[in-house]
Each structure stands twice: as structure tokens, then as C-alpha cells.
N, C-alpha and C. Protein backbone atom coordinates (compact mmCIF):
# COMPACT_ATOMS: atom_id res chain seq x y z
N MET A 1 0.85 -1.18 0.00
CA MET A 1 0.00 0.00 0.00
C MET A 1 0.89 1.24 0.00
N PRO A 2 0.59 2.21 -0.88
CA PRO A 2 1.37 3.45 -0.90
C PRO A 2 1.19 4.21 0.41
N GLU A 3 2.20 5.01 0.72
CA GLU A 3 2.15 5.78 1.97
C GLU A 3 1.01 6.79 1.94
N LEU A 4 0.35 6.94 3.06
CA LEU A 4 -0.75 7.88 3.22
C LEU A 4 -0.24 9.31 3.05
N THR A 5 -0.93 10.09 2.25
CA THR A 5 -0.56 11.49 2.05
C THR A 5 -1.50 12.39 2.87
N PRO A 6 -1.07 13.60 3.17
CA PRO A 6 -1.96 14.52 3.88
C PRO A 6 -3.28 14.73 3.13
N LEU A 7 -3.24 14.85 1.81
CA LEU A 7 -4.46 15.04 1.05
C LEU A 7 -5.42 13.87 1.24
N GLN A 8 -4.92 12.64 1.18
CA GLN A 8 -5.76 11.46 1.39
C GLN A 8 -6.37 11.48 2.80
N LEU A 9 -5.54 11.80 3.79
CA LEU A 9 -6.04 11.83 5.17
C LEU A 9 -7.15 12.85 5.32
N PHE A 10 -6.93 14.05 4.85
CA PHE A 10 -7.93 15.10 5.03
C PHE A 10 -9.19 14.84 4.22
N LYS A 11 -9.07 14.26 3.05
CA LYS A 11 -10.26 13.88 2.28
C LYS A 11 -11.06 12.83 3.05
N CYS A 12 -10.35 11.87 3.59
CA CYS A 12 -11.00 10.78 4.31
C CYS A 12 -11.69 11.30 5.57
N LEU A 13 -11.03 12.14 6.33
CA LEU A 13 -11.59 12.62 7.59
C LEU A 13 -12.51 13.83 7.43
N SER A 14 -12.68 14.32 6.20
CA SER A 14 -13.58 15.45 5.99
C SER A 14 -15.04 15.03 6.12
N ASP A 15 -15.29 13.73 6.07
CA ASP A 15 -16.65 13.23 6.27
C ASP A 15 -16.90 13.07 7.77
N GLU A 16 -18.00 13.61 8.26
CA GLU A 16 -18.31 13.59 9.69
C GLU A 16 -18.40 12.17 10.26
N THR A 17 -18.95 11.26 9.49
CA THR A 17 -19.08 9.87 9.96
C THR A 17 -17.71 9.22 10.10
N ARG A 18 -16.86 9.37 9.09
CA ARG A 18 -15.52 8.77 9.15
C ARG A 18 -14.67 9.41 10.25
N LEU A 19 -14.82 10.71 10.43
CA LEU A 19 -14.11 11.38 11.52
C LEU A 19 -14.58 10.83 12.86
N GLY A 20 -15.90 10.69 13.02
CA GLY A 20 -16.44 10.15 14.26
C GLY A 20 -15.95 8.74 14.55
N ILE A 21 -15.92 7.90 13.53
CA ILE A 21 -15.43 6.53 13.69
C ILE A 21 -13.96 6.55 14.12
N THR A 22 -13.18 7.38 13.47
CA THR A 22 -11.74 7.46 13.78
C THR A 22 -11.53 7.92 15.21
N LEU A 23 -12.26 8.94 15.63
CA LEU A 23 -12.11 9.44 17.00
C LEU A 23 -12.60 8.42 18.02
N LEU A 24 -13.67 7.72 17.69
CA LEU A 24 -14.19 6.69 18.59
C LEU A 24 -13.17 5.57 18.78
N LEU A 25 -12.57 5.14 17.69
CA LEU A 25 -11.56 4.08 17.79
C LEU A 25 -10.30 4.58 18.50
N HIS A 26 -9.97 5.84 18.31
CA HIS A 26 -8.84 6.42 19.04
C HIS A 26 -9.11 6.34 20.55
N GLU A 27 -10.33 6.64 20.94
CA GLU A 27 -10.70 6.65 22.35
C GLU A 27 -10.87 5.24 22.93
N MET A 28 -11.51 4.36 22.17
CA MET A 28 -11.92 3.06 22.72
C MET A 28 -10.97 1.91 22.37
N GLY A 29 -10.11 2.10 21.41
CA GLY A 29 -9.26 0.99 20.98
C GLY A 29 -9.94 0.20 19.90
N GLU A 30 -10.19 -1.06 20.14
CA GLU A 30 -10.82 -1.93 19.15
C GLU A 30 -12.31 -2.07 19.43
N LEU A 31 -13.11 -1.99 18.36
CA LEU A 31 -14.56 -2.16 18.49
C LEU A 31 -15.08 -3.01 17.35
N CYS A 32 -16.14 -3.73 17.65
CA CYS A 32 -16.85 -4.52 16.65
C CYS A 32 -17.69 -3.58 15.79
N VAL A 33 -17.91 -3.96 14.56
CA VAL A 33 -18.72 -3.15 13.66
C VAL A 33 -20.11 -2.91 14.25
N CYS A 34 -20.65 -3.88 14.98
CA CYS A 34 -21.99 -3.69 15.56
C CYS A 34 -21.98 -2.57 16.60
N ASP A 35 -20.90 -2.46 17.38
CA ASP A 35 -20.80 -1.38 18.37
C ASP A 35 -20.59 -0.03 17.70
N ILE A 36 -19.80 0.00 16.66
CA ILE A 36 -19.57 1.25 15.92
C ILE A 36 -20.89 1.74 15.33
N THR A 37 -21.67 0.83 14.79
CA THR A 37 -22.97 1.17 14.21
C THR A 37 -23.88 1.82 15.25
N VAL A 38 -23.90 1.27 16.45
CA VAL A 38 -24.71 1.83 17.54
C VAL A 38 -24.22 3.23 17.89
N ALA A 39 -22.93 3.39 18.04
CA ALA A 39 -22.36 4.67 18.48
C ALA A 39 -22.60 5.79 17.48
N ILE A 40 -22.46 5.49 16.19
CA ILE A 40 -22.61 6.57 15.20
C ILE A 40 -24.04 6.70 14.69
N GLU A 41 -24.91 5.80 15.15
CA GLU A 41 -26.34 5.83 14.79
C GLU A 41 -26.55 5.80 13.27
N GLU A 42 -25.90 4.86 12.63
CA GLU A 42 -26.06 4.66 11.19
C GLU A 42 -26.38 3.20 10.93
N SER A 43 -26.82 2.90 9.74
CA SER A 43 -27.11 1.52 9.37
C SER A 43 -25.81 0.74 9.23
N GLN A 44 -25.91 -0.57 9.35
CA GLN A 44 -24.72 -1.41 9.24
C GLN A 44 -24.07 -1.29 7.86
N PRO A 45 -24.85 -1.32 6.76
CA PRO A 45 -24.20 -1.18 5.45
C PRO A 45 -23.46 0.16 5.27
N LYS A 46 -24.07 1.24 5.76
CA LYS A 46 -23.41 2.55 5.63
C LYS A 46 -22.15 2.59 6.50
N THR A 47 -22.24 2.04 7.70
CA THR A 47 -21.09 1.99 8.59
C THR A 47 -19.96 1.18 7.95
N SER A 48 -20.31 0.04 7.40
CA SER A 48 -19.30 -0.83 6.77
C SER A 48 -18.64 -0.14 5.58
N ARG A 49 -19.41 0.63 4.83
CA ARG A 49 -18.84 1.36 3.68
C ARG A 49 -17.80 2.38 4.16
N HIS A 50 -18.13 3.10 5.22
CA HIS A 50 -17.18 4.08 5.77
C HIS A 50 -15.96 3.39 6.35
N LEU A 51 -16.16 2.27 7.04
CA LEU A 51 -15.04 1.52 7.59
C LEU A 51 -14.12 1.02 6.49
N ALA A 52 -14.70 0.57 5.39
CA ALA A 52 -13.90 0.10 4.26
C ALA A 52 -13.03 1.22 3.70
N MET A 53 -13.59 2.42 3.61
CA MET A 53 -12.80 3.56 3.10
C MET A 53 -11.64 3.87 4.03
N LEU A 54 -11.89 3.84 5.33
CA LEU A 54 -10.82 4.08 6.30
C LEU A 54 -9.76 2.99 6.25
N ARG A 55 -10.20 1.77 6.06
CA ARG A 55 -9.26 0.65 5.97
C ARG A 55 -8.41 0.75 4.70
N GLU A 56 -9.03 1.14 3.59
CA GLU A 56 -8.31 1.25 2.32
C GLU A 56 -7.22 2.32 2.36
N THR A 57 -7.41 3.35 3.17
CA THR A 57 -6.37 4.39 3.28
C THR A 57 -5.24 3.95 4.20
N GLY A 58 -5.45 2.86 4.93
CA GLY A 58 -4.44 2.38 5.85
C GLY A 58 -4.61 2.88 7.27
N LEU A 59 -5.69 3.64 7.53
CA LEU A 59 -5.92 4.14 8.88
C LEU A 59 -6.37 3.05 9.84
N LEU A 60 -7.12 2.08 9.34
CA LEU A 60 -7.67 1.03 10.20
C LEU A 60 -7.15 -0.34 9.82
N LEU A 61 -7.13 -1.20 10.82
CA LEU A 61 -6.90 -2.62 10.63
C LEU A 61 -8.15 -3.34 11.09
N ASP A 62 -8.41 -4.49 10.49
CA ASP A 62 -9.58 -5.26 10.92
C ASP A 62 -9.17 -6.70 11.19
N ARG A 63 -10.01 -7.36 11.96
CA ARG A 63 -9.82 -8.79 12.20
C ARG A 63 -11.20 -9.41 12.35
N ARG A 64 -11.31 -10.63 11.89
CA ARG A 64 -12.58 -11.34 11.96
C ARG A 64 -12.60 -12.20 13.21
N GLU A 65 -13.74 -12.17 13.90
CA GLU A 65 -13.98 -13.05 15.03
C GLU A 65 -15.38 -13.63 14.83
N GLY A 66 -15.43 -14.86 14.36
CA GLY A 66 -16.72 -15.44 14.00
C GLY A 66 -17.28 -14.70 12.81
N LYS A 67 -18.52 -14.23 12.94
CA LYS A 67 -19.13 -13.50 11.83
C LYS A 67 -18.92 -11.99 11.94
N TRP A 68 -18.26 -11.53 13.01
CA TRP A 68 -18.09 -10.11 13.24
C TRP A 68 -16.68 -9.65 12.88
N ILE A 69 -16.62 -8.41 12.44
CA ILE A 69 -15.34 -7.77 12.12
C ILE A 69 -15.07 -6.71 13.20
N HIS A 70 -13.87 -6.73 13.71
CA HIS A 70 -13.43 -5.76 14.72
C HIS A 70 -12.41 -4.83 14.06
N TYR A 71 -12.52 -3.55 14.40
CA TYR A 71 -11.65 -2.53 13.81
C TYR A 71 -10.86 -1.82 14.89
N ARG A 72 -9.67 -1.35 14.50
CA ARG A 72 -8.83 -0.53 15.37
C ARG A 72 -7.97 0.36 14.49
N LEU A 73 -7.46 1.43 15.08
CA LEU A 73 -6.52 2.27 14.34
C LEU A 73 -5.25 1.47 14.11
N SER A 74 -4.70 1.62 12.94
CA SER A 74 -3.48 0.90 12.61
C SER A 74 -2.29 1.47 13.40
N PRO A 75 -1.49 0.60 13.97
CA PRO A 75 -0.28 1.09 14.65
C PRO A 75 0.80 1.49 13.64
N HIS A 76 0.55 1.26 12.36
CA HIS A 76 1.54 1.54 11.31
C HIS A 76 1.32 2.88 10.61
N ILE A 77 0.35 3.67 11.07
CA ILE A 77 0.14 4.97 10.43
C ILE A 77 1.34 5.86 10.73
N PRO A 78 1.61 6.78 9.82
CA PRO A 78 2.74 7.69 10.05
C PRO A 78 2.55 8.49 11.34
N ALA A 79 3.65 8.89 11.95
CA ALA A 79 3.60 9.64 13.21
C ALA A 79 2.81 10.94 13.06
N TRP A 80 2.95 11.61 11.92
CA TRP A 80 2.23 12.86 11.73
C TRP A 80 0.72 12.61 11.70
N THR A 81 0.30 11.47 11.17
CA THR A 81 -1.12 11.13 11.12
C THR A 81 -1.64 10.87 12.52
N ALA A 82 -0.89 10.10 13.29
CA ALA A 82 -1.28 9.81 14.67
C ALA A 82 -1.40 11.08 15.49
N GLU A 83 -0.50 12.02 15.25
CA GLU A 83 -0.52 13.29 15.98
C GLU A 83 -1.74 14.12 15.60
N ILE A 84 -2.10 14.14 14.34
CA ILE A 84 -3.30 14.87 13.90
C ILE A 84 -4.53 14.27 14.55
N ILE A 85 -4.63 12.96 14.57
CA ILE A 85 -5.78 12.29 15.19
C ILE A 85 -5.81 12.59 16.69
N ARG A 86 -4.66 12.54 17.34
CA ARG A 86 -4.60 12.81 18.79
C ARG A 86 -5.05 14.23 19.09
N GLN A 87 -4.55 15.20 18.33
CA GLN A 87 -4.93 16.60 18.58
C GLN A 87 -6.39 16.84 18.25
N THR A 88 -6.88 16.21 17.20
CA THR A 88 -8.29 16.35 16.85
C THR A 88 -9.17 15.78 17.95
N ALA A 89 -8.76 14.65 18.51
CA ALA A 89 -9.52 14.04 19.61
C ALA A 89 -9.58 14.99 20.81
N GLN A 90 -8.50 15.70 21.09
CA GLN A 90 -8.51 16.65 22.20
C GLN A 90 -9.50 17.78 21.94
N CYS A 91 -9.59 18.22 20.70
CA CYS A 91 -10.49 19.32 20.34
C CYS A 91 -11.95 18.88 20.24
N GLN A 92 -12.16 17.59 20.04
CA GLN A 92 -13.52 17.06 19.84
C GLN A 92 -13.99 16.25 21.05
N PHE A 93 -13.60 16.67 22.23
CA PHE A 93 -13.92 15.94 23.45
C PHE A 93 -15.43 15.73 23.59
N VAL A 94 -16.23 16.74 23.32
CA VAL A 94 -17.69 16.63 23.47
C VAL A 94 -18.24 15.58 22.50
N GLN A 95 -17.81 15.61 21.26
CA GLN A 95 -18.27 14.63 20.27
C GLN A 95 -17.89 13.21 20.69
N ILE A 96 -16.68 13.03 21.15
CA ILE A 96 -16.23 11.70 21.58
C ILE A 96 -17.05 11.23 22.77
N THR A 97 -17.33 12.13 23.70
CA THR A 97 -18.14 11.78 24.87
C THR A 97 -19.53 11.33 24.43
N GLN A 98 -20.13 12.02 23.47
CA GLN A 98 -21.45 11.62 22.96
C GLN A 98 -21.40 10.24 22.32
N LEU A 99 -20.37 9.99 21.52
CA LEU A 99 -20.24 8.69 20.86
C LEU A 99 -20.07 7.56 21.88
N THR A 100 -19.22 7.77 22.86
CA THR A 100 -18.99 6.72 23.85
C THR A 100 -20.23 6.52 24.72
N LYS A 101 -20.97 7.58 24.99
CA LYS A 101 -22.20 7.46 25.77
C LYS A 101 -23.22 6.62 25.01
N ARG A 102 -23.38 6.90 23.71
CA ARG A 102 -24.29 6.10 22.87
C ARG A 102 -23.86 4.64 22.85
N LEU A 103 -22.57 4.45 22.76
CA LEU A 103 -22.02 3.10 22.73
C LEU A 103 -22.37 2.36 24.03
N GLN A 104 -22.19 3.02 25.14
CA GLN A 104 -22.47 2.39 26.44
C GLN A 104 -23.96 2.15 26.64
N GLN A 105 -24.79 3.08 26.18
CA GLN A 105 -26.24 2.94 26.35
C GLN A 105 -26.82 1.87 25.42
N GLY A 106 -26.28 1.79 24.22
CA GLY A 106 -26.86 0.89 23.24
C GLY A 106 -26.05 -0.35 22.97
N SER A 107 -24.97 -0.52 23.71
CA SER A 107 -24.08 -1.64 23.44
C SER A 107 -24.75 -2.97 23.71
N VAL A 108 -24.67 -3.82 22.74
CA VAL A 108 -25.14 -5.20 22.87
C VAL A 108 -23.99 -6.09 22.45
N ALA A 109 -23.90 -7.21 23.09
CA ALA A 109 -22.84 -8.14 22.70
C ALA A 109 -23.08 -8.57 21.27
N CYS A 110 -22.05 -8.56 20.49
CA CYS A 110 -22.17 -9.02 19.10
C CYS A 110 -22.50 -10.51 19.13
N GLN A 111 -23.57 -10.83 18.47
CA GLN A 111 -24.00 -12.22 18.48
C GLN A 111 -23.96 -12.82 17.11
């Protein structure tokens, strides 16, 4: 995979849903697609489409556990990318709190 460029990163994170997913994963670590869907209040197909875009840029890694896919931020992203995500998370504390609250209220074990 070619190295992530600033233009690719900003295009990817310019979408509110993808930004929310990225910040949620930054805060929570690894999450199942079912939990991400609950937190961002979107349909599973729409959530999966956004997750695929994030994965294709190299921001996310996924792993299968049974029928569920779990996502996390890639530890291989460039340092400048990790720093942008970290600083954005600090600035978006309220949004992250809302996402994690929805996750906790609506979380169901992936079955």
C-alpha cells in the first residue's frame, strides 16, 4: 500500500461519519462493527462502507472473530497522522463523549 498522504487523510476525515469513527476508535481501541454502528447511529451497510474507506487508506486494521469484524486504528500509520488524530480528539472531546455514551447505552454483545 502506498504511503498515506496529507491530502488522502484530510479527504477521508472530511466526512463527519468517518471522523467520528476514527475518533471513537482512538478513544476506545478496538470495536466490533456492531458497536460502531450503535455509536454513530447509522445503518450497518453505511457503517461498513465508511469503515472500508478508512481501511483502504491504511488508517484502520480489521480482524474477523466469527461473523463479526473488529476494527482498530493501525499502529503503522505515520507519526504525523497519529498526531493529527490525537490533537483532533482533544479538540472534539464533546463529540467523543457523545459517541462513547451512545455506545455504552446501546451496546449489545455481538451475536
